[in-house]
Amino acid sequence: MQTQTGSNRAAFTTVTEKRIQAAAVRELCGGVSDMWIWRRMDSDSTFPRPIYIAKRRFWRESDLIEWLNAQADRTTA
């Protein structure tokens, strides 16, 4: 949904995508450690990058699910 509030203002888009914190990422990835996440971000360029808000990390849940599905497809191919 875009809203325009004036000719000099930018349009904003409302996003309802779920953001999850590191604990939920660890659980979604099978109960891995926080160090596993750091190592994955360092060694795997396809692993989703977090969004930092006030020094806290959040991931888009859909990005993680897409990455997990790609990993499953890669192992079965």
C-alpha atoms as a PDB file:
ATOM      1  CA  MET A   1       0.000   0.000   0.000  1.00  0.00           C
ATOM      2  CA  GLN A   2       1.515   3.313  -1.017  1.00  0.00           C
ATOM      3  CA  THR A   3       0.493   6.639   0.365  1.00  0.00           C
ATOM      4  CA  GLN A   4       1.376  10.029  -1.043  1.00  0.00           C
ATOM      5  CA  THR A   5       1.124  12.904   1.414  1.00  0.00           C
ATOM      6  CA  GLY A   6       2.468  15.715  -0.727  1.00  0.00           C
ATOM      7  CA  SER A   7       4.408  16.468  -3.867  1.00  0.00           C
ATOM      8  CA  ASN A   8       7.706  16.869  -1.964  1.00  0.00           C
ATOM      9  CA  ARG A   9       7.375  13.761   0.197  1.00  0.00           C
ATOM     10  CA  ALA A  10       8.393  10.228  -0.675  1.00  0.00           C
ATOM     11  CA  ALA A  11       5.888   7.413  -0.948  1.00  0.00           C
ATOM     12  CA  PHE A  12       5.938   4.876   1.876  1.00  0.00           C
ATOM     13  CA  THR A  13       5.125   1.213   1.575  1.00  0.00           C
ATOM     14  CA  THR A  14       3.530  -0.709   4.421  1.00  0.00           C
ATOM     15  CA  VAL A  15       5.184  -4.075   4.964  1.00  0.00           C
ATOM     16  CA  THR A  16       3.556  -6.766   7.071  1.00  0.00           C
ATOM     17  CA  GLU A  17       6.347  -9.308   6.767  1.00  0.00           C
ATOM     18  CA  LYS A  18       7.238 -11.071  10.012  1.00  0.00           C
ATOM     19  CA  ARG A  19      10.621 -10.281  11.583  1.00  0.00           C
ATOM     20  CA  ILE A  20      12.179 -12.762  13.988  1.00  0.00           C
ATOM     21  CA  GLN A  21      15.033 -12.502  16.485  1.00  0.00           C
ATOM     22  CA  ALA A  22      18.080 -14.744  16.843  1.00  0.00           C
ATOM     23  CA  ALA A  23      16.410 -17.176  19.276  1.00  0.00           C
ATOM     24  CA  ALA A  24      13.662 -17.899  16.745  1.00  0.00           C
ATOM     25  CA  VAL A  25      16.255 -18.225  13.958  1.00  0.00           C
ATOM     26  CA  ARG A  26      18.180 -20.776  16.014  1.00  0.00           C
ATOM     27  CA  GLU A  27      14.988 -22.764  16.612  1.00  0.00           C
ATOM     28  CA  LEU A  28      13.922 -22.552  12.958  1.00  0.00           C
ATOM     29  CA  CYS A  29      17.341 -23.866  11.892  1.00  0.00           C
ATOM     30  CA  GLY A  30      17.059 -26.901  14.140  1.00  0.00           C
ATOM     31  CA  GLY A  31      18.219 -25.696  17.541  1.00  0.00           C
ATOM     32  CA  VAL A  32      21.617 -24.400  16.427  1.00  0.00           C
ATOM     33  CA  SER A  33      23.813 -22.088  18.506  1.00  0.00           C
ATOM     34  CA  ASP A  34      24.288 -18.365  18.078  1.00  0.00           C
ATOM     35  CA  MET A  35      27.881 -19.078  17.020  1.00  0.00           C
ATOM     36  CA  TRP A  36      26.517 -21.284  14.203  1.00  0.00           C
ATOM     37  CA  ILE A  37      24.542 -18.295  12.912  1.00  0.00           C
ATOM     38  CA  TRP A  38      27.647 -16.065  13.013  1.00  0.00           C
ATOM     39  CA  ARG A  39      29.725 -18.694  11.220  1.00  0.00           C
ATOM     40  CA  ARG A  40      27.025 -19.194   8.603  1.00  0.00           C
ATOM     41  CA  MET A  41      26.845 -15.441   7.957  1.00  0.00           C
ATOM     42  CA  ASP A  42      30.649 -15.350   7.632  1.00  0.00           C
ATOM     43  CA  SER A  43      31.098 -18.387   5.382  1.00  0.00           C
ATOM     44  CA  ASP A  44      27.857 -18.604   3.363  1.00  0.00           C
ATOM     45  CA  SER A  45      27.031 -15.595   1.204  1.00  0.00           C
ATOM     46  CA  THR A  46      23.528 -16.970   0.583  1.00  0.00           C
ATOM     47  CA  PHE A  47      22.559 -16.999   4.282  1.00  0.00           C
ATOM     48  CA  PRO A  48      20.095 -14.165   4.961  1.00  0.00           C
ATOM     49  CA  ARG A  49      21.568 -11.086   6.597  1.00  0.00           C
ATOM     50  CA  PRO A  50      19.903  -9.580   9.643  1.00  0.00           C
ATOM     51  CA  ILE A  51      18.401  -6.143   9.947  1.00  0.00           C
ATOM     52  CA  TYR A  52      19.775  -4.214  12.918  1.00  0.00           C
ATOM     53  CA  ILE A  53      17.339  -2.133  14.936  1.00  0.00           C
ATOM     54  CA  ALA A  54      18.702  -0.523  18.111  1.00  0.00           C
ATOM     55  CA  LYS A  55      21.583  -3.040  18.246  1.00  0.00           C
ATOM     56  CA  ARG A  56      19.191  -5.987  17.968  1.00  0.00           C
ATOM     57  CA  ARG A  57      19.203  -8.421  15.061  1.00  0.00           C
ATOM     58  CA  PHE A  58      16.049  -9.317  13.170  1.00  0.00           C
ATOM     59  CA  TRP A  59      15.653 -11.571  10.150  1.00  0.00           C
ATOM     60  CA  ARG A  60      12.823 -11.710   7.648  1.00  0.00           C
ATOM     61  CA  GLU A  61      11.167 -15.047   8.306  1.00  0.00           C
ATOM     62  CA  SER A  62      10.428 -15.545   4.603  1.00  0.00           C
ATOM     63  CA  ASP A  63      14.133 -15.090   3.719  1.00  0.00           C
ATOM     64  CA  LEU A  64      15.122 -17.801   6.197  1.00  0.00           C
ATOM     65  CA  ILE A  65      12.462 -20.224   4.985  1.00  0.00           C
ATOM     66  CA  GLU A  66      13.546 -19.632   1.392  1.00  0.00           C
ATOM     67  CA  TRP A  67      17.189 -20.286   2.370  1.00  0.00           C
ATOM     68  CA  LEU A  68      16.263 -23.479   4.259  1.00  0.00           C
ATOM     69  CA  ASN A  69      14.264 -24.749   1.268  1.00  0.00           C
ATOM     70  CA  ALA A  70      17.212 -24.031  -1.034  1.00  0.00           C
ATOM     71  CA  GLN A  71      19.484 -26.028   1.294  1.00  0.00           C
ATOM     72  CA  ALA A  72      17.056 -28.950   1.218  1.00  0.00           C
ATOM     73  CA  ASP A  73      16.857 -28.772  -2.594  1.00  0.00           C
ATOM     74  CA  ARG A  74      20.645 -28.681  -2.840  1.00  0.00           C
ATOM     75  CA  THR A  75      21.091 -31.829  -0.746  1.00  0.00           C
ATOM     76  CA  THR A  76      18.493 -33.811  -2.711  1.00  0.00           C
ATOM     77  CA  ALA A  77      19.877 -32.833  -6.123  1.00  0.00           C
END
